[in-house]
N, C-alpha and C. Protein backbone atom coordinates (compact mmCIF):
# COMPACT_ATOMS: atom_id res chain seq x y z
N MET A 1 -58.59 130.90 -98.65
CA MET A 1 -58.54 131.53 -97.35
C MET A 1 -59.93 131.78 -96.81
N CYS A 2 -60.75 130.79 -96.80
CA CYS A 2 -62.11 130.97 -96.32
C CYS A 2 -62.33 130.40 -94.94
N ASP A 3 -61.44 129.54 -94.51
CA ASP A 3 -61.70 128.95 -93.21
C ASP A 3 -61.30 129.91 -92.09
N GLU A 4 -61.88 129.71 -90.95
CA GLU A 4 -61.71 130.61 -89.82
C GLU A 4 -60.26 130.72 -89.36
N ASP A 5 -59.53 129.62 -89.35
CA ASP A 5 -58.13 129.66 -88.92
C ASP A 5 -57.27 130.49 -89.85
N SER A 6 -57.52 130.41 -91.14
CA SER A 6 -56.75 131.20 -92.10
C SER A 6 -57.04 132.69 -91.93
N LEU A 7 -58.30 133.03 -91.72
CA LEU A 7 -58.66 134.43 -91.50
C LEU A 7 -58.05 134.95 -90.21
N ARG A 8 -58.09 134.15 -89.18
CA ARG A 8 -57.52 134.54 -87.89
C ARG A 8 -56.02 134.80 -88.05
N GLU A 9 -55.32 133.92 -88.77
CA GLU A 9 -53.89 134.08 -89.00
C GLU A 9 -53.60 135.34 -89.82
N MET A 10 -54.42 135.62 -90.81
CA MET A 10 -54.23 136.80 -91.64
C MET A 10 -54.39 138.08 -90.79
N VAL A 11 -55.37 138.11 -89.93
CA VAL A 11 -55.58 139.26 -89.06
C VAL A 11 -54.42 139.41 -88.08
N ARG A 12 -53.99 138.32 -87.51
CA ARG A 12 -52.87 138.35 -86.56
C ARG A 12 -51.62 138.91 -87.22
N GLU A 13 -51.30 138.43 -88.41
CA GLU A 13 -50.12 138.91 -89.13
C GLU A 13 -50.23 140.39 -89.46
N PHE A 14 -51.40 140.82 -89.87
CA PHE A 14 -51.59 142.23 -90.20
C PHE A 14 -51.28 143.12 -89.00
N TYR A 15 -51.87 142.80 -87.85
CA TYR A 15 -51.67 143.64 -86.68
C TYR A 15 -50.28 143.48 -86.08
N GLN A 16 -49.68 142.33 -86.24
CA GLN A 16 -48.33 142.12 -85.74
C GLN A 16 -47.34 142.98 -86.51
N THR A 17 -47.53 143.16 -87.79
CA THR A 17 -46.59 143.94 -88.60
C THR A 17 -47.00 145.40 -88.77
N LEU A 18 -48.16 145.78 -88.28
CA LEU A 18 -48.67 147.13 -88.51
C LEU A 18 -47.69 148.21 -88.06
N PHE A 19 -47.14 148.08 -86.85
CA PHE A 19 -46.24 149.11 -86.34
C PHE A 19 -44.84 148.56 -86.07
N THR A 20 -44.47 147.51 -86.74
CA THR A 20 -43.11 146.99 -86.59
C THR A 20 -42.22 147.62 -87.63
N LYS A 21 -40.93 147.51 -87.42
CA LYS A 21 -39.97 148.12 -88.33
C LYS A 21 -39.87 147.29 -89.61
N GLU A 22 -39.71 148.00 -90.69
CA GLU A 22 -39.56 147.36 -91.98
C GLU A 22 -38.36 148.01 -92.65
N ASP A 23 -37.32 147.25 -92.89
CA ASP A 23 -36.09 147.78 -93.48
C ASP A 23 -35.54 148.95 -92.65
N GLY A 24 -35.67 148.86 -91.31
CA GLY A 24 -35.14 149.88 -90.44
C GLY A 24 -35.98 151.14 -90.34
N VAL A 25 -37.10 151.20 -91.02
CA VAL A 25 -37.96 152.37 -91.00
C VAL A 25 -39.32 151.96 -90.47
N GLU A 26 -39.82 152.69 -89.49
CA GLU A 26 -41.13 152.38 -88.96
C GLU A 26 -42.20 152.68 -90.00
N GLN A 27 -43.20 151.83 -90.08
CA GLN A 27 -44.23 151.99 -91.09
C GLN A 27 -44.99 153.30 -90.94
N ARG A 28 -45.14 153.81 -89.74
CA ARG A 28 -45.90 155.05 -89.57
C ARG A 28 -45.21 156.23 -90.24
N ARG A 29 -43.91 156.11 -90.52
CA ARG A 29 -43.22 157.18 -91.23
C ARG A 29 -43.74 157.30 -92.66
N ARG A 30 -44.35 156.26 -93.15
CA ARG A 30 -44.93 156.33 -94.49
C ARG A 30 -45.99 157.42 -94.58
N LEU A 31 -46.55 157.78 -93.45
CA LEU A 31 -47.59 158.80 -93.44
C LEU A 31 -47.01 160.21 -93.55
N GLN A 32 -45.72 160.36 -93.28
CA GLN A 32 -45.11 161.68 -93.34
C GLN A 32 -45.23 162.24 -94.75
N GLY A 33 -45.63 163.50 -94.82
CA GLY A 33 -45.77 164.15 -96.11
C GLY A 33 -47.12 163.94 -96.77
N ASN A 34 -47.97 163.11 -96.17
CA ASN A 34 -49.28 162.84 -96.74
C ASN A 34 -50.38 163.72 -96.16
N PHE A 35 -50.02 164.55 -95.21
CA PHE A 35 -51.00 165.43 -94.58
C PHE A 35 -50.55 166.88 -94.75
N PRO A 36 -51.49 167.80 -94.88
CA PRO A 36 -51.10 169.21 -95.02
C PRO A 36 -50.45 169.72 -93.73
N ILE A 37 -49.58 170.68 -93.88
CA ILE A 37 -48.90 171.29 -92.74
C ILE A 37 -49.75 172.45 -92.26
N ILE A 38 -49.96 172.52 -90.96
CA ILE A 38 -50.74 173.60 -90.37
C ILE A 38 -49.78 174.73 -90.03
N GLU A 39 -50.05 175.90 -90.57
CA GLU A 39 -49.22 177.07 -90.31
C GLU A 39 -49.48 177.58 -88.89
N HIS A 40 -48.54 178.37 -88.36
CA HIS A 40 -48.66 178.86 -86.99
C HIS A 40 -49.93 179.68 -86.78
N GLY A 41 -50.29 180.52 -87.75
CA GLY A 41 -51.51 181.32 -87.63
C GLY A 41 -52.75 180.45 -87.55
N GLN A 42 -52.79 179.40 -88.37
CA GLN A 42 -53.92 178.47 -88.34
C GLN A 42 -53.95 177.71 -87.02
N LEU A 43 -52.78 177.35 -86.54
CA LEU A 43 -52.69 176.62 -85.27
C LEU A 43 -53.21 177.48 -84.12
N ASP A 44 -52.89 178.78 -84.16
CA ASP A 44 -53.40 179.70 -83.13
C ASP A 44 -54.92 179.76 -83.16
N LEU A 45 -55.51 179.77 -84.37
CA LEU A 45 -56.97 179.78 -84.48
C LEU A 45 -57.57 178.50 -83.92
N LEU A 46 -56.93 177.37 -84.21
CA LEU A 46 -57.44 176.08 -83.70
C LEU A 46 -57.33 175.99 -82.19
N ALA A 47 -56.30 176.60 -81.64
CA ALA A 47 -56.08 176.55 -80.19
C ALA A 47 -56.90 177.60 -79.45
N GLY A 48 -57.51 178.53 -80.18
CA GLY A 48 -58.29 179.61 -79.56
C GLY A 48 -59.61 179.12 -79.00
N PRO A 49 -60.33 180.01 -78.35
CA PRO A 49 -61.62 179.63 -77.78
C PRO A 49 -62.65 179.29 -78.86
N VAL A 50 -63.55 178.41 -78.51
CA VAL A 50 -64.63 178.02 -79.42
C VAL A 50 -65.67 179.12 -79.41
N LYS A 51 -66.14 179.49 -80.59
CA LYS A 51 -67.12 180.57 -80.71
C LYS A 51 -68.52 179.99 -80.87
N ASP A 52 -69.51 180.74 -80.41
CA ASP A 52 -70.90 180.29 -80.49
C ASP A 52 -71.33 179.99 -81.92
N ASP A 53 -70.91 180.82 -82.87
CA ASP A 53 -71.32 180.57 -84.25
C ASP A 53 -70.70 179.29 -84.79
N GLU A 54 -69.50 178.92 -84.33
CA GLU A 54 -68.88 177.66 -84.75
C GLU A 54 -69.68 176.47 -84.21
N ILE A 55 -70.15 176.60 -82.98
CA ILE A 55 -70.95 175.53 -82.37
C ILE A 55 -72.26 175.38 -83.13
N GLN A 56 -72.91 176.51 -83.43
CA GLN A 56 -74.18 176.45 -84.16
C GLN A 56 -73.98 175.88 -85.56
N ILE A 57 -72.94 176.28 -86.26
CA ILE A 57 -72.67 175.76 -87.61
C ILE A 57 -72.44 174.24 -87.55
N ALA A 58 -71.68 173.79 -86.56
CA ALA A 58 -71.42 172.36 -86.42
C ALA A 58 -72.72 171.59 -86.15
N LEU A 59 -73.55 172.12 -85.26
CA LEU A 59 -74.80 171.45 -84.92
C LEU A 59 -75.77 171.42 -86.09
N PHE A 60 -75.88 172.53 -86.78
CA PHE A 60 -76.81 172.58 -87.90
C PHE A 60 -76.26 171.87 -89.14
N GLY A 61 -75.00 171.51 -89.11
CA GLY A 61 -74.41 170.72 -90.19
C GLY A 61 -74.69 169.23 -90.05
N MET A 62 -75.24 168.84 -88.90
CA MET A 62 -75.58 167.44 -88.66
C MET A 62 -76.93 167.12 -89.27
N LYS A 63 -77.08 165.89 -89.71
CA LYS A 63 -78.39 165.46 -90.19
C LYS A 63 -79.32 165.35 -88.98
N PRO A 64 -80.54 165.90 -89.09
CA PRO A 64 -81.42 166.02 -87.93
C PRO A 64 -81.75 164.70 -87.21
N TYR A 65 -81.87 163.62 -87.96
CA TYR A 65 -82.34 162.38 -87.32
C TYR A 65 -81.24 161.35 -87.17
N LYS A 66 -80.00 161.79 -86.99
CA LYS A 66 -78.90 160.89 -86.71
C LYS A 66 -79.12 160.26 -85.34
N ALA A 67 -78.30 159.27 -85.05
CA ALA A 67 -78.41 158.59 -83.76
C ALA A 67 -78.26 159.59 -82.61
N PRO A 68 -79.00 159.38 -81.55
CA PRO A 68 -78.91 160.29 -80.40
C PRO A 68 -77.50 160.32 -79.81
N GLY A 69 -77.17 161.45 -79.20
CA GLY A 69 -75.89 161.59 -78.52
C GLY A 69 -75.96 161.01 -77.13
N PRO A 70 -74.95 161.25 -76.30
CA PRO A 70 -74.93 160.68 -74.95
C PRO A 70 -76.06 161.20 -74.08
N ASP A 71 -76.65 162.32 -74.48
CA ASP A 71 -77.77 162.87 -73.71
C ASP A 71 -79.11 162.26 -74.11
N GLY A 72 -79.11 161.45 -75.18
CA GLY A 72 -80.34 160.80 -75.63
C GLY A 72 -81.13 161.59 -76.66
N TYR A 73 -80.66 162.76 -77.04
CA TYR A 73 -81.38 163.60 -77.99
C TYR A 73 -80.72 163.58 -79.36
N GLN A 74 -81.55 163.59 -80.40
CA GLN A 74 -81.06 163.70 -81.77
C GLN A 74 -80.76 165.17 -82.07
N PRO A 75 -79.91 165.43 -83.08
CA PRO A 75 -79.64 166.82 -83.46
C PRO A 75 -80.91 167.63 -83.73
N PHE A 76 -81.96 166.99 -84.22
CA PHE A 76 -83.21 167.69 -84.52
C PHE A 76 -83.73 168.48 -83.32
N PHE A 77 -83.63 167.90 -82.13
CA PHE A 77 -84.12 168.59 -80.93
C PHE A 77 -83.38 169.91 -80.74
N PHE A 78 -82.06 169.87 -80.81
CA PHE A 78 -81.25 171.07 -80.60
C PHE A 78 -81.48 172.08 -81.73
N GLN A 79 -81.60 171.58 -82.96
CA GLN A 79 -81.82 172.47 -84.10
C GLN A 79 -83.17 173.17 -84.01
N SER A 80 -84.20 172.42 -83.67
CA SER A 80 -85.55 172.99 -83.64
C SER A 80 -85.78 173.90 -82.43
N GLN A 81 -85.01 173.71 -81.38
CA GLN A 81 -85.19 174.50 -80.16
C GLN A 81 -84.04 175.48 -79.93
N TRP A 82 -83.28 175.76 -80.98
CA TRP A 82 -82.07 176.57 -80.84
C TRP A 82 -82.34 177.94 -80.21
N GLN A 83 -83.45 178.57 -80.57
CA GLN A 83 -83.75 179.90 -80.03
C GLN A 83 -83.85 179.88 -78.50
N VAL A 84 -84.29 178.76 -77.97
CA VAL A 84 -84.47 178.64 -76.52
C VAL A 84 -83.21 178.13 -75.83
N ILE A 85 -82.63 177.07 -76.37
CA ILE A 85 -81.52 176.41 -75.67
C ILE A 85 -80.14 176.73 -76.20
N GLY A 86 -80.06 177.45 -77.32
CA GLY A 86 -78.77 177.75 -77.95
C GLY A 86 -77.73 178.34 -77.01
N PRO A 87 -78.07 179.41 -76.29
CA PRO A 87 -77.07 180.00 -75.39
C PRO A 87 -76.57 179.03 -74.31
N THR A 88 -77.46 178.19 -73.79
CA THR A 88 -77.07 177.23 -72.76
C THR A 88 -76.18 176.14 -73.35
N VAL A 89 -76.54 175.67 -74.53
CA VAL A 89 -75.72 174.65 -75.21
C VAL A 89 -74.33 175.20 -75.49
N CYS A 90 -74.26 176.42 -76.00
CA CYS A 90 -72.96 177.04 -76.30
C CYS A 90 -72.13 177.21 -75.03
N ARG A 91 -72.75 177.65 -73.97
CA ARG A 91 -72.04 177.83 -72.69
C ARG A 91 -71.49 176.49 -72.20
N TYR A 92 -72.29 175.44 -72.32
CA TYR A 92 -71.86 174.11 -71.87
C TYR A 92 -70.70 173.61 -72.71
N ILE A 93 -70.79 173.75 -74.03
CA ILE A 93 -69.73 173.26 -74.92
C ILE A 93 -68.45 174.07 -74.71
N ARG A 94 -68.56 175.37 -74.57
CA ARG A 94 -67.37 176.18 -74.27
C ARG A 94 -66.74 175.73 -72.96
N GLY A 95 -67.59 175.39 -72.00
CA GLY A 95 -67.09 174.89 -70.71
C GLY A 95 -66.31 173.60 -70.85
N ILE A 96 -66.75 172.72 -71.75
CA ILE A 96 -66.01 171.48 -71.99
C ILE A 96 -64.63 171.81 -72.52
N PHE A 97 -64.55 172.70 -73.50
CA PHE A 97 -63.26 173.06 -74.08
C PHE A 97 -62.37 173.79 -73.09
N GLU A 98 -62.96 174.52 -72.17
CA GLU A 98 -62.19 175.28 -71.18
C GLU A 98 -61.89 174.46 -69.93
N GLY A 99 -62.42 173.24 -69.87
CA GLY A 99 -62.17 172.36 -68.73
C GLY A 99 -63.11 172.56 -67.56
N ASP A 100 -64.17 173.36 -67.74
CA ASP A 100 -65.10 173.62 -66.64
C ASP A 100 -66.24 172.61 -66.57
N SER A 101 -66.67 172.10 -67.70
CA SER A 101 -67.79 171.16 -67.74
C SER A 101 -67.26 169.77 -68.03
N LYS A 102 -67.98 168.80 -67.57
CA LYS A 102 -67.60 167.42 -67.84
C LYS A 102 -68.65 166.80 -68.74
N LEU A 103 -68.20 166.21 -69.83
CA LEU A 103 -69.14 165.58 -70.76
C LEU A 103 -69.91 164.47 -70.05
N ALA A 104 -69.28 163.80 -69.10
CA ALA A 104 -69.95 162.70 -68.40
C ALA A 104 -71.15 163.20 -67.61
N ASP A 105 -71.13 164.46 -67.20
CA ASP A 105 -72.23 165.00 -66.41
C ASP A 105 -73.53 165.12 -67.20
N ILE A 106 -73.44 165.08 -68.51
CA ILE A 106 -74.62 165.34 -69.35
C ILE A 106 -75.71 164.29 -69.14
N SER A 107 -75.31 163.07 -68.82
CA SER A 107 -76.32 162.02 -68.69
C SER A 107 -76.64 161.70 -67.24
N HIS A 108 -76.15 162.49 -66.31
CA HIS A 108 -76.49 162.28 -64.90
C HIS A 108 -77.87 162.87 -64.62
N SER A 109 -78.62 162.20 -63.83
CA SER A 109 -79.91 162.74 -63.42
C SER A 109 -80.03 162.60 -61.91
N HIS A 110 -80.84 163.44 -61.37
CA HIS A 110 -81.06 163.39 -59.92
C HIS A 110 -82.45 162.84 -59.66
N GLN A 111 -82.52 161.79 -58.87
CA GLN A 111 -83.81 161.21 -58.54
C GLN A 111 -84.20 161.68 -57.15
N VAL A 112 -85.44 162.05 -57.02
CA VAL A 112 -85.93 162.53 -55.73
C VAL A 112 -86.86 161.51 -55.12
């Protein structure tokens, strides 16, 4: 199975059968029971507002020199300047979760 046509056929068959029925049962049902169940209390916490300390923990959990985000900055910039920009970053991220801010706006610039 080294030639291109054989590989192409193998990929086609894989994706064709990925979500088709097998013995009357959809394959995605195989995933049932393989994930932990989220209790109602935990679900309420997940659906609650994002807290500033959660944002900071997530940011500082990133490796500093990972690929830049959509704004063009690496995590190192935000980590090293947290004392100055932390409150603004948190306000912006909370706004995204609350539907007030648009992630697409982050890379817009105004030319004069």
